mmCIF file of all heavy atoms, coordinates in Angstrom:
data_MODEL
# 
_entry.id   MODEL 
# 
loop_
_atom_site.group_PDB 
_atom_site.id 
_atom_site.type_symbol 
_atom_site.label_atom_id 
_atom_site.label_alt_id 
_atom_site.label_comp_id 
_atom_site.label_asym_id 
_atom_site.label_entity_id 
_atom_site.label_seq_id 
_atom_site.pdbx_PDB_ins_code 
_atom_site.Cartn_x 
_atom_site.Cartn_y 
_atom_site.Cartn_z 
_atom_site.occupancy 
_atom_site.B_iso_or_equiv 
_atom_site.pdbx_formal_charge 
_atom_site.auth_seq_id 
_atom_site.auth_comp_id 
_atom_site.auth_asym_id 
_atom_site.auth_atom_id 
_atom_site.pdbx_PDB_model_num 
ATOM 1   N N   . LEU A 1 1  ? 16.622  -9.386  5.348  1.00 0.00 ? 1  LEU A N   1 
ATOM 2   C CA  . LEU A 1 1  ? 15.995  -8.879  4.134  1.00 0.00 ? 1  LEU A CA  1 
ATOM 3   C C   . LEU A 1 1  ? 14.553  -9.324  3.934  1.00 0.00 ? 1  LEU A C   1 
ATOM 4   O O   . LEU A 1 1  ? 13.770  -8.595  3.326  1.00 0.00 ? 1  LEU A O   1 
ATOM 5   C CB  . LEU A 1 1  ? 16.834  -9.233  2.908  1.00 0.00 ? 1  LEU A CB  1 
ATOM 6   C CG  . LEU A 1 1  ? 18.203  -8.553  2.841  1.00 0.00 ? 1  LEU A CG  1 
ATOM 7   C CD1 . LEU A 1 1  ? 18.930  -8.971  1.576  1.00 0.00 ? 1  LEU A CD1 1 
ATOM 8   C CD2 . LEU A 1 1  ? 18.077  -7.050  2.926  1.00 0.00 ? 1  LEU A CD2 1 
ATOM 9   N N   . HIS A 1 2  ? 14.182  -10.497 4.443  1.00 0.00 ? 2  HIS A N   1 
ATOM 10  C CA  . HIS A 1 2  ? 12.795  -10.925 4.272  1.00 0.00 ? 2  HIS A CA  1 
ATOM 11  C C   . HIS A 1 2  ? 11.839  -9.968  4.971  1.00 0.00 ? 2  HIS A C   1 
ATOM 12  O O   . HIS A 1 2  ? 10.749  -9.706  4.491  1.00 0.00 ? 2  HIS A O   1 
ATOM 13  C CB  . HIS A 1 2  ? 12.593  -12.366 4.751  1.00 0.00 ? 2  HIS A CB  1 
ATOM 14  C CG  . HIS A 1 2  ? 12.734  -12.545 6.220  1.00 0.00 ? 2  HIS A CG  1 
ATOM 15  N ND1 . HIS A 1 2  ? 13.958  -12.614 6.842  1.00 0.00 ? 2  HIS A ND1 1 
ATOM 16  C CD2 . HIS A 1 2  ? 11.797  -12.667 7.195  1.00 0.00 ? 2  HIS A CD2 1 
ATOM 17  C CE1 . HIS A 1 2  ? 13.789  -12.767 8.142  1.00 0.00 ? 2  HIS A CE1 1 
ATOM 18  N NE2 . HIS A 1 2  ? 12.496  -12.790 8.387  1.00 0.00 ? 2  HIS A NE2 1 
ATOM 19  N N   . ARG A 1 3  ? 12.260  -9.384  6.099  1.00 0.00 ? 3  ARG A N   1 
ATOM 20  C CA  . ARG A 1 3  ? 11.411  -8.405  6.794  1.00 0.00 ? 3  ARG A CA  1 
ATOM 21  C C   . ARG A 1 3  ? 11.299  -7.121  5.979  1.00 0.00 ? 3  ARG A C   1 
ATOM 22  O O   . ARG A 1 3  ? 10.252  -6.487  5.952  1.00 0.00 ? 3  ARG A O   1 
ATOM 23  C CB  . ARG A 1 3  ? 11.976  -8.106  8.186  1.00 0.00 ? 3  ARG A CB  1 
ATOM 24  C CG  . ARG A 1 3  ? 11.779  -9.273  9.125  1.00 0.00 ? 3  ARG A CG  1 
ATOM 25  C CD  . ARG A 1 3  ? 12.213  -8.909  10.542 1.00 0.00 ? 3  ARG A CD  1 
ATOM 26  N NE  . ARG A 1 3  ? 12.774  -10.115 11.146 1.00 0.00 ? 3  ARG A NE  1 
ATOM 27  C CZ  . ARG A 1 3  ? 14.035  -10.267 11.499 1.00 0.00 ? 3  ARG A CZ  1 
ATOM 28  N NH1 . ARG A 1 3  ? 14.895  -9.296  11.370 1.00 0.00 ? 3  ARG A NH1 1 
ATOM 29  N NH2 . ARG A 1 3  ? 14.442  -11.399 12.018 1.00 0.00 ? 3  ARG A NH2 1 
ATOM 30  N N   . VAL A 1 4  ? 12.384  -6.739  5.325  1.00 0.00 ? 4  VAL A N   1 
ATOM 31  C CA  . VAL A 1 4  ? 12.362  -5.553  4.477  1.00 0.00 ? 4  VAL A CA  1 
ATOM 32  C C   . VAL A 1 4  ? 11.428  -5.786  3.289  1.00 0.00 ? 4  VAL A C   1 
ATOM 33  O O   . VAL A 1 4  ? 10.598  -4.930  2.952  1.00 0.00 ? 4  VAL A O   1 
ATOM 34  C CB  . VAL A 1 4  ? 13.784  -5.178  4.001  1.00 0.00 ? 4  VAL A CB  1 
ATOM 35  C CG1 . VAL A 1 4  ? 13.746  -4.046  2.978  1.00 0.00 ? 4  VAL A CG1 1 
ATOM 36  C CG2 . VAL A 1 4  ? 14.657  -4.802  5.186  1.00 0.00 ? 4  VAL A CG2 1 
ATOM 37  N N   . ALA A 1 5  ? 11.542  -6.952  2.642  1.00 0.00 ? 5  ALA A N   1 
ATOM 38  C CA  . ALA A 1 5  ? 10.673  -7.272  1.503  1.00 0.00 ? 5  ALA A CA  1 
ATOM 39  C C   . ALA A 1 5  ? 9.215   -7.291  1.926  1.00 0.00 ? 5  ALA A C   1 
ATOM 40  O O   . ALA A 1 5  ? 8.342   -6.744  1.235  1.00 0.00 ? 5  ALA A O   1 
ATOM 41  C CB  . ALA A 1 5  ? 11.078  -8.614  0.895  1.00 0.00 ? 5  ALA A CB  1 
ATOM 42  N N   . GLU A 1 6  ? 8.936   -7.896  3.064  1.00 0.00 ? 6  GLU A N   1 
ATOM 43  C CA  . GLU A 1 6  ? 7.567   -7.952  3.564  1.00 0.00 ? 6  GLU A CA  1 
ATOM 44  C C   . GLU A 1 6  ? 7.033   -6.545  3.847  1.00 0.00 ? 6  GLU A C   1 
ATOM 45  O O   . GLU A 1 6  ? 5.891   -6.227  3.508  1.00 0.00 ? 6  GLU A O   1 
ATOM 46  C CB  . GLU A 1 6  ? 7.523   -8.808  4.833  1.00 0.00 ? 6  GLU A CB  1 
ATOM 47  C CG  . GLU A 1 6  ? 6.129   -9.069  5.335  1.00 0.00 ? 6  GLU A CG  1 
ATOM 48  C CD  . GLU A 1 6  ? 6.148   -10.022 6.505  1.00 0.00 ? 6  GLU A CD  1 
ATOM 49  O OE1 . GLU A 1 6  ? 6.904   -9.786  7.475  1.00 0.00 ? 6  GLU A OE1 1 
ATOM 50  O OE2 . GLU A 1 6  ? 5.399   -11.007 6.462  1.00 0.00 ? 6  GLU A OE2 1 
ATOM 51  N N   . ALA A 1 7  ? 7.847   -5.693  4.451  1.00 0.00 ? 7  ALA A N   1 
ATOM 52  C CA  . ALA A 1 7  ? 7.427   -4.324  4.745  1.00 0.00 ? 7  ALA A CA  1 
ATOM 53  C C   . ALA A 1 7  ? 7.202   -3.526  3.460  1.00 0.00 ? 7  ALA A C   1 
ATOM 54  O O   . ALA A 1 7  ? 6.271   -2.716  3.388  1.00 0.00 ? 7  ALA A O   1 
ATOM 55  C CB  . ALA A 1 7  ? 8.458   -3.631  5.633  1.00 0.00 ? 7  ALA A CB  1 
ATOM 56  N N   . CYS A 1 8  ? 8.021   -3.744  2.432  1.00 0.00 ? 8  CYS A N   1 
ATOM 57  C CA  . CYS A 1 8  ? 7.831   -3.065  1.144  1.00 0.00 ? 8  CYS A CA  1 
ATOM 58  C C   . CYS A 1 8  ? 6.499   -3.453  0.514  1.00 0.00 ? 8  CYS A C   1 
ATOM 59  O O   . CYS A 1 8  ? 5.757   -2.597  0.023  1.00 0.00 ? 8  CYS A O   1 
ATOM 60  C CB  . CYS A 1 8  ? 8.971   -3.389  0.179  1.00 0.00 ? 8  CYS A CB  1 
ATOM 61  S SG  . CYS A 1 8  ? 10.514  -2.549  0.538  1.00 0.00 ? 8  CYS A SG  1 
ATOM 62  N N   . VAL A 1 9  ? 6.190   -4.747  0.526  1.00 0.00 ? 9  VAL A N   1 
ATOM 63  C CA  . VAL A 1 9  ? 4.925   -5.224  -0.047 1.00 0.00 ? 9  VAL A CA  1 
ATOM 64  C C   . VAL A 1 9  ? 3.753   -4.661  0.748  1.00 0.00 ? 9  VAL A C   1 
ATOM 65  O O   . VAL A 1 9  ? 2.770   -4.185  0.174  1.00 0.00 ? 9  VAL A O   1 
ATOM 66  C CB  . VAL A 1 9  ? 4.900   -6.772  -0.103 1.00 0.00 ? 9  VAL A CB  1 
ATOM 67  C CG1 . VAL A 1 9  ? 3.501   -7.289  -0.354 1.00 0.00 ? 9  VAL A CG1 1 
ATOM 68  C CG2 . VAL A 1 9  ? 5.865   -7.260  -1.179 1.00 0.00 ? 9  VAL A CG2 1 
ATOM 69  N N   . ARG A 1 10 ? 3.847   -4.689  2.061  1.00 0.00 ? 10 ARG A N   1 
ATOM 70  C CA  . ARG A 1 10 ? 2.757   -4.169  2.903  1.00 0.00 ? 10 ARG A CA  1 
ATOM 71  C C   . ARG A 1 10 ? 2.553   -2.670  2.634  1.00 0.00 ? 10 ARG A C   1 
ATOM 72  O O   . ARG A 1 10 ? 1.419   -2.208  2.470  1.00 0.00 ? 10 ARG A O   1 
ATOM 73  C CB  . ARG A 1 10 ? 3.056   -4.405  4.379  1.00 0.00 ? 10 ARG A CB  1 
ATOM 74  C CG  . ARG A 1 10 ? 1.948   -3.864  5.283  1.00 0.00 ? 10 ARG A CG  1 
ATOM 75  C CD  . ARG A 1 10 ? 2.007   -4.437  6.666  1.00 0.00 ? 10 ARG A CD  1 
ATOM 76  N NE  . ARG A 1 10 ? 1.620   -5.845  6.543  1.00 0.00 ? 10 ARG A NE  1 
ATOM 77  C CZ  . ARG A 1 10 ? 2.250   -6.829  7.175  1.00 0.00 ? 10 ARG A CZ  1 
ATOM 78  N NH1 . ARG A 1 10 ? 3.255   -6.580  7.974  1.00 0.00 ? 10 ARG A NH1 1 
ATOM 79  N NH2 . ARG A 1 10 ? 1.852   -8.077  7.022  1.00 0.00 ? 10 ARG A NH2 1 
ATOM 80  N N   . ASN A 1 11 ? 3.644   -1.910  2.559  1.00 0.00 ? 11 ASN A N   1 
ATOM 81  C CA  . ASN A 1 11 ? 3.546   -0.479  2.286  1.00 0.00 ? 11 ASN A CA  1 
ATOM 82  C C   . ASN A 1 11 ? 2.926   -0.235  0.916  1.00 0.00 ? 11 ASN A C   1 
ATOM 83  O O   . ASN A 1 11 ? 2.070   0.637   0.753  1.00 0.00 ? 11 ASN A O   1 
ATOM 84  C CB  . ASN A 1 11 ? 4.931   0.158   2.391  1.00 0.00 ? 11 ASN A CB  1 
ATOM 85  C CG  . ASN A 1 11 ? 4.898   1.637   2.119  1.00 0.00 ? 11 ASN A CG  1 
ATOM 86  O OD1 . ASN A 1 11 ? 4.966   2.070   0.967  1.00 0.00 ? 11 ASN A OD1 1 
ATOM 87  N ND2 . ASN A 1 11 ? 4.804   2.432   3.182  1.00 0.00 ? 11 ASN A ND2 1 
ATOM 88  N N   . PHE A 1 12 ? 3.356   -0.998  -0.077 1.00 0.00 ? 12 PHE A N   1 
ATOM 89  C CA  . PHE A 1 12 ? 2.797   -0.882  -1.429 1.00 0.00 ? 12 PHE A CA  1 
ATOM 90  C C   . PHE A 1 12 ? 1.291   -1.121  -1.419 1.00 0.00 ? 12 PHE A C   1 
ATOM 91  O O   . PHE A 1 12 ? 0.525   -0.357  -2.009 1.00 0.00 ? 12 PHE A O   1 
ATOM 92  C CB  . PHE A 1 12 ? 3.492   -1.875  -2.365 1.00 0.00 ? 12 PHE A CB  1 
ATOM 93  C CG  . PHE A 1 12 ? 2.822   -2.036  -3.692 1.00 0.00 ? 12 PHE A CG  1 
ATOM 94  C CD1 . PHE A 1 12 ? 2.982   -1.086  -4.691 1.00 0.00 ? 12 PHE A CD1 1 
ATOM 95  C CD2 . PHE A 1 12 ? 2.021   -3.134  -3.945 1.00 0.00 ? 12 PHE A CD2 1 
ATOM 96  C CE1 . PHE A 1 12 ? 2.357   -1.241  -5.919 1.00 0.00 ? 12 PHE A CE1 1 
ATOM 97  C CE2 . PHE A 1 12 ? 1.390   -3.300  -5.169 1.00 0.00 ? 12 PHE A CE2 1 
ATOM 98  C CZ  . PHE A 1 12 ? 1.557   -2.344  -6.164 1.00 0.00 ? 12 PHE A CZ  1 
ATOM 99  N N   . LEU A 1 13 ? 0.845   -2.174  -0.738 1.00 0.00 ? 13 LEU A N   1 
ATOM 100 C CA  . LEU A 1 13 ? -0.586  -2.483  -0.695 1.00 0.00 ? 13 LEU A CA  1 
ATOM 101 C C   . LEU A 1 13 ? -1.378  -1.389  0.022  1.00 0.00 ? 13 LEU A C   1 
ATOM 102 O O   . LEU A 1 13 ? -2.455  -0.990  -0.437 1.00 0.00 ? 13 LEU A O   1 
ATOM 103 C CB  . LEU A 1 13 ? -0.822  -3.834  -0.019 1.00 0.00 ? 13 LEU A CB  1 
ATOM 104 C CG  . LEU A 1 13 ? -0.460  -5.058  -0.849 1.00 0.00 ? 13 LEU A CG  1 
ATOM 105 C CD1 . LEU A 1 13 ? -0.558  -6.315  -0.005 1.00 0.00 ? 13 LEU A CD1 1 
ATOM 106 C CD2 . LEU A 1 13 ? -1.351  -5.172  -2.086 1.00 0.00 ? 13 LEU A CD2 1 
ATOM 107 N N   . HIS A 1 14 ? -0.852  -0.892  1.130  1.00 0.00 ? 14 HIS A N   1 
ATOM 108 C CA  . HIS A 1 14 ? -1.561  0.160   1.872  1.00 0.00 ? 14 HIS A CA  1 
ATOM 109 C C   . HIS A 1 14 ? -1.635  1.458   1.060  1.00 0.00 ? 14 HIS A C   1 
ATOM 110 O O   . HIS A 1 14 ? -2.681  2.128   1.055  1.00 0.00 ? 14 HIS A O   1 
ATOM 111 C CB  . HIS A 1 14 ? -0.909  0.395   3.236  1.00 0.00 ? 14 HIS A CB  1 
ATOM 112 C CG  . HIS A 1 14 ? -1.297  -0.649  4.234  1.00 0.00 ? 14 HIS A CG  1 
ATOM 113 N ND1 . HIS A 1 14 ? -2.431  -0.571  4.996  1.00 0.00 ? 14 HIS A ND1 1 
ATOM 114 C CD2 . HIS A 1 14 ? -0.695  -1.815  4.573  1.00 0.00 ? 14 HIS A CD2 1 
ATOM 115 C CE1 . HIS A 1 14 ? -2.532  -1.633  5.771  1.00 0.00 ? 14 HIS A CE1 1 
ATOM 116 N NE2 . HIS A 1 14 ? -1.482  -2.407  5.535  1.00 0.00 ? 14 HIS A NE2 1 
ATOM 117 N N   . ARG A 1 15 ? -0.556  1.814   0.364  1.00 0.00 ? 15 ARG A N   1 
ATOM 118 C CA  . ARG A 1 15 ? -0.589  3.012   -0.489 1.00 0.00 ? 15 ARG A CA  1 
ATOM 119 C C   . ARG A 1 15 ? -1.569  2.835   -1.642 1.00 0.00 ? 15 ARG A C   1 
ATOM 120 O O   . ARG A 1 15 ? -2.305  3.759   -1.988 1.00 0.00 ? 15 ARG A O   1 
ATOM 121 C CB  . ARG A 1 15 ? 0.801   3.316   -1.049 1.00 0.00 ? 15 ARG A CB  1 
ATOM 122 C CG  . ARG A 1 15 ? 1.706   3.990   -0.071 1.00 0.00 ? 15 ARG A CG  1 
ATOM 123 C CD  . ARG A 1 15 ? 2.984   4.497   -0.705 1.00 0.00 ? 15 ARG A CD  1 
ATOM 124 N NE  . ARG A 1 15 ? 3.226   3.980   -2.037 1.00 0.00 ? 15 ARG A NE  1 
ATOM 125 C CZ  . ARG A 1 15 ? 4.417   3.814   -2.565 1.00 0.00 ? 15 ARG A CZ  1 
ATOM 126 N NH1 . ARG A 1 15 ? 5.497   4.129   -1.904 1.00 0.00 ? 15 ARG A NH1 1 
ATOM 127 N NH2 . ARG A 1 15 ? 4.561   3.342   -3.778 1.00 0.00 ? 15 ARG A NH2 1 
ATOM 128 N N   . THR A 1 16 ? -1.580  1.642   -2.244 1.00 0.00 ? 16 THR A N   1 
ATOM 129 C CA  . THR A 1 16 ? -2.507  1.373   -3.348 1.00 0.00 ? 16 THR A CA  1 
ATOM 130 C C   . THR A 1 16 ? -3.943  1.459   -2.863 1.00 0.00 ? 16 THR A C   1 
ATOM 131 O O   . THR A 1 16 ? -4.799  2.078   -3.513 1.00 0.00 ? 16 THR A O   1 
ATOM 132 C CB  . THR A 1 16 ? -2.213  -0.002  -3.971 1.00 0.00 ? 16 THR A CB  1 
ATOM 133 O OG1 . THR A 1 16 ? -0.863  -0.010  -4.466 1.00 0.00 ? 16 THR A OG1 1 
ATOM 134 C CG2 . THR A 1 16 ? -3.155  -0.302  -5.118 1.00 0.00 ? 16 THR A CG2 1 
ATOM 135 N N   . ALA A 1 17 ? -4.243  0.853   -1.712 1.00 0.00 ? 17 ALA A N   1 
ATOM 136 C CA  . ALA A 1 17 ? -5.596  0.915   -1.145 1.00 0.00 ? 17 ALA A CA  1 
ATOM 137 C C   . ALA A 1 17 ? -5.995  2.361   -0.857 1.00 0.00 ? 17 ALA A C   1 
ATOM 138 O O   . ALA A 1 17 ? -7.118  2.784   -1.176 1.00 0.00 ? 17 ALA A O   1 
ATOM 139 C CB  . ALA A 1 17 ? -5.677  0.070   0.128  1.00 0.00 ? 17 ALA A CB  1 
ATOM 140 N N   . ALA A 1 18 ? -5.079  3.134   -0.273 1.00 0.00 ? 18 ALA A N   1 
ATOM 141 C CA  . ALA A 1 18 ? -5.369  4.538   0.029  1.00 0.00 ? 18 ALA A CA  1 
ATOM 142 C C   . ALA A 1 18 ? -5.633  5.330   -1.252 1.00 0.00 ? 18 ALA A C   1 
ATOM 143 O O   . ALA A 1 18 ? -6.557  6.154   -1.300 1.00 0.00 ? 18 ALA A O   1 
ATOM 144 C CB  . ALA A 1 18 ? -4.219  5.161   0.818  1.00 0.00 ? 18 ALA A CB  1 
ATOM 145 N N   . ASN A 1 19 ? -4.846  5.080   -2.312 1.00 0.00 ? 19 ASN A N   1 
ATOM 146 C CA  . ASN A 1 19 ? -5.071  5.760   -3.587 1.00 0.00 ? 19 ASN A CA  1 
ATOM 147 C C   . ASN A 1 19 ? -6.444  5.421   -4.153 1.00 0.00 ? 19 ASN A C   1 
ATOM 148 O O   . ASN A 1 19 ? -7.157  6.299   -4.637 1.00 0.00 ? 19 ASN A O   1 
ATOM 149 C CB  . ASN A 1 19 ? -3.988  5.390   -4.600 1.00 0.00 ? 19 ASN A CB  1 
ATOM 150 C CG  . ASN A 1 19 ? -2.652  6.012   -4.288 1.00 0.00 ? 19 ASN A CG  1 
ATOM 151 O OD1 . ASN A 1 19 ? -2.550  6.976   -3.542 1.00 0.00 ? 19 ASN A OD1 1 
ATOM 152 N ND2 . ASN A 1 19 ? -1.595  5.449   -4.858 1.00 0.00 ? 19 ASN A ND2 1 
ATOM 153 N N   . LEU A 1 20 ? -6.833  4.152   -4.094 1.00 0.00 ? 20 LEU A N   1 
ATOM 154 C CA  . LEU A 1 20 ? -8.143  3.729   -4.601 1.00 0.00 ? 20 LEU A CA  1 
ATOM 155 C C   . LEU A 1 20 ? -9.267  4.351   -3.786 1.00 0.00 ? 20 LEU A C   1 
ATOM 156 O O   . LEU A 1 20 ? -10.264 4.834   -4.341 1.00 0.00 ? 20 LEU A O   1 
ATOM 157 C CB  . LEU A 1 20 ? -8.247  2.203   -4.595 1.00 0.00 ? 20 LEU A CB  1 
ATOM 158 C CG  . LEU A 1 20 ? -7.423  1.492   -5.661 1.00 0.00 ? 20 LEU A CG  1 
ATOM 159 C CD1 . LEU A 1 20 ? -7.286  0.009   -5.335 1.00 0.00 ? 20 LEU A CD1 1 
ATOM 160 C CD2 . LEU A 1 20 ? -8.051  1.691   -7.048 1.00 0.00 ? 20 LEU A CD2 1 
ATOM 161 N N   . GLU A 1 21 ? -9.130  4.340   -2.463 1.00 0.00 ? 21 GLU A N   1 
ATOM 162 C CA  . GLU A 1 21 ? -10.174 4.932   -1.612 1.00 0.00 ? 21 GLU A CA  1 
ATOM 163 C C   . GLU A 1 21 ? -10.287 6.433   -1.840 1.00 0.00 ? 21 GLU A C   1 
ATOM 164 O O   . GLU A 1 21 ? -11.383 6.986   -1.861 1.00 0.00 ? 21 GLU A O   1 
ATOM 165 C CB  . GLU A 1 21 ? -9.884  4.622   -0.142 1.00 0.00 ? 21 GLU A CB  1 
ATOM 166 C CG  . GLU A 1 21 ? -10.092 3.152   0.187  1.00 0.00 ? 21 GLU A CG  1 
ATOM 167 C CD  . GLU A 1 21 ? -9.597  2.769   1.573  1.00 0.00 ? 21 GLU A CD  1 
ATOM 168 O OE1 . GLU A 1 21 ? -8.986  3.610   2.280  1.00 0.00 ? 21 GLU A OE1 1 
ATOM 169 O OE2 . GLU A 1 21 ? -9.816  1.594   1.963  1.00 0.00 ? 21 GLU A OE2 1 
ATOM 170 N N   . HIS A 1 22 ? -9.151  7.104   -2.014 1.00 0.00 ? 22 HIS A N   1 
ATOM 171 C CA  . HIS A 1 22 ? -9.162  8.540   -2.274 1.00 0.00 ? 22 HIS A CA  1 
ATOM 172 C C   . HIS A 1 22 ? -9.850  8.848   -3.610 1.00 0.00 ? 22 HIS A C   1 
ATOM 173 O O   . HIS A 1 22 ? -10.648 9.776   -3.695 1.00 0.00 ? 22 HIS A O   1 
ATOM 174 C CB  . HIS A 1 22 ? -7.727  9.074   -2.273 1.00 0.00 ? 22 HIS A CB  1 
ATOM 175 C CG  . HIS A 1 22 ? -7.638  10.536  -2.575 1.00 0.00 ? 22 HIS A CG  1 
ATOM 176 N ND1 . HIS A 1 22 ? -7.978  11.511  -1.659 1.00 0.00 ? 22 HIS A ND1 1 
ATOM 177 C CD2 . HIS A 1 22 ? -7.269  11.191  -3.711 1.00 0.00 ? 22 HIS A CD2 1 
ATOM 178 C CE1 . HIS A 1 22 ? -7.829  12.696  -2.222 1.00 0.00 ? 22 HIS A CE1 1 
ATOM 179 N NE2 . HIS A 1 22 ? -7.381  12.531  -3.451 1.00 0.00 ? 22 HIS A NE2 1 
ATOM 180 N N   . GLU A 1 23 ? -9.526  8.081   -4.646 1.00 0.00 ? 23 GLU A N   1 
ATOM 181 C CA  . GLU A 1 23 ? -10.168 8.288   -5.956 1.00 0.00 ? 23 GLU A CA  1 
ATOM 182 C C   . GLU A 1 23 ? -11.665 8.050   -5.874 1.00 0.00 ? 23 GLU A C   1 
ATOM 183 O O   . GLU A 1 23 ? -12.452 8.778   -6.478 1.00 0.00 ? 23 GLU A O   1 
ATOM 184 C CB  . GLU A 1 23 ? -9.561  7.350   -7.012 1.00 0.00 ? 23 GLU A CB  1 
ATOM 185 C CG  . GLU A 1 23 ? -8.213  7.782   -7.513 1.00 0.00 ? 23 GLU A CG  1 
ATOM 186 C CD  . GLU A 1 23 ? -7.758  6.944   -8.693 1.00 0.00 ? 23 GLU A CD  1 
ATOM 187 O OE1 . GLU A 1 23 ? -8.555  6.141   -9.235 1.00 0.00 ? 23 GLU A OE1 1 
ATOM 188 O OE2 . GLU A 1 23 ? -6.597  7.099   -9.099 1.00 0.00 ? 23 GLU A OE2 1 
ATOM 189 N N   . GLU A 1 24 ? -12.070 7.022   -5.133 1.00 0.00 ? 24 GLU A N   1 
ATOM 190 C CA  . GLU A 1 24 ? -13.502 6.696   -5.029 1.00 0.00 ? 24 GLU A CA  1 
ATOM 191 C C   . GLU A 1 24 ? -14.233 7.798   -4.279 1.00 0.00 ? 24 GLU A C   1 
ATOM 192 O O   . GLU A 1 24 ? -15.355 8.154   -4.629 1.00 0.00 ? 24 GLU A O   1 
ATOM 193 C CB  . GLU A 1 24 ? -13.675 5.352   -4.316 1.00 0.00 ? 24 GLU A CB  1 
ATOM 194 C CG  . GLU A 1 24 ? -15.026 4.705   -4.519 1.00 0.00 ? 24 GLU A CG  1 
ATOM 195 C CD  . GLU A 1 24 ? -16.077 5.171   -3.519 1.00 0.00 ? 24 GLU A CD  1 
ATOM 196 O OE1 . GLU A 1 24 ? -15.712 5.527   -2.394 1.00 0.00 ? 24 GLU A OE1 1 
ATOM 197 O OE2 . GLU A 1 24 ? -17.272 5.169   -3.882 1.00 0.00 ? 24 GLU A OE2 1 
ATOM 198 N N   . ALA A 1 25 ? -13.621 8.383   -3.281 1.00 0.00 ? 25 ALA A N   1 
ATOM 199 C CA  . ALA A 1 25 ? -14.255 9.453   -2.500 1.00 0.00 ? 25 ALA A CA  1 
ATOM 200 C C   . ALA A 1 25 ? -14.356 10.753  -3.288 1.00 0.00 ? 25 ALA A C   1 
ATOM 201 O O   . ALA A 1 25 ? -15.230 11.563  -3.024 1.00 0.00 ? 25 ALA A O   1 
ATOM 202 C CB  . ALA A 1 25 ? -13.463 9.695   -1.208 1.00 0.00 ? 25 ALA A CB  1 
ATOM 203 N N   . ALA A 1 26 ? -13.442 10.935  -4.254 1.00 0.00 ? 26 ALA A N   1 
ATOM 204 C CA  . ALA A 1 26 ? -13.405 12.215  -5.010 1.00 0.00 ? 26 ALA A CA  1 
ATOM 205 C C   . ALA A 1 26 ? -14.480 12.323  -6.015 1.00 0.00 ? 26 ALA A C   1 
ATOM 206 O O   . ALA A 1 26 ? -15.228 11.840  -6.510 1.00 0.00 ? 26 ALA A O   1 
ATOM 207 C CB  . ALA A 1 26 ? -12.061 12.359  -5.726 1.00 0.00 ? 26 ALA A CB  1 
# 
């Protein structure tokens, strides 16, 4: 489960970064 939790956090951060970069580019 620690690998699952780590992957969830990593995915969350990458999606958040992508959302911020997309908004800034728009």
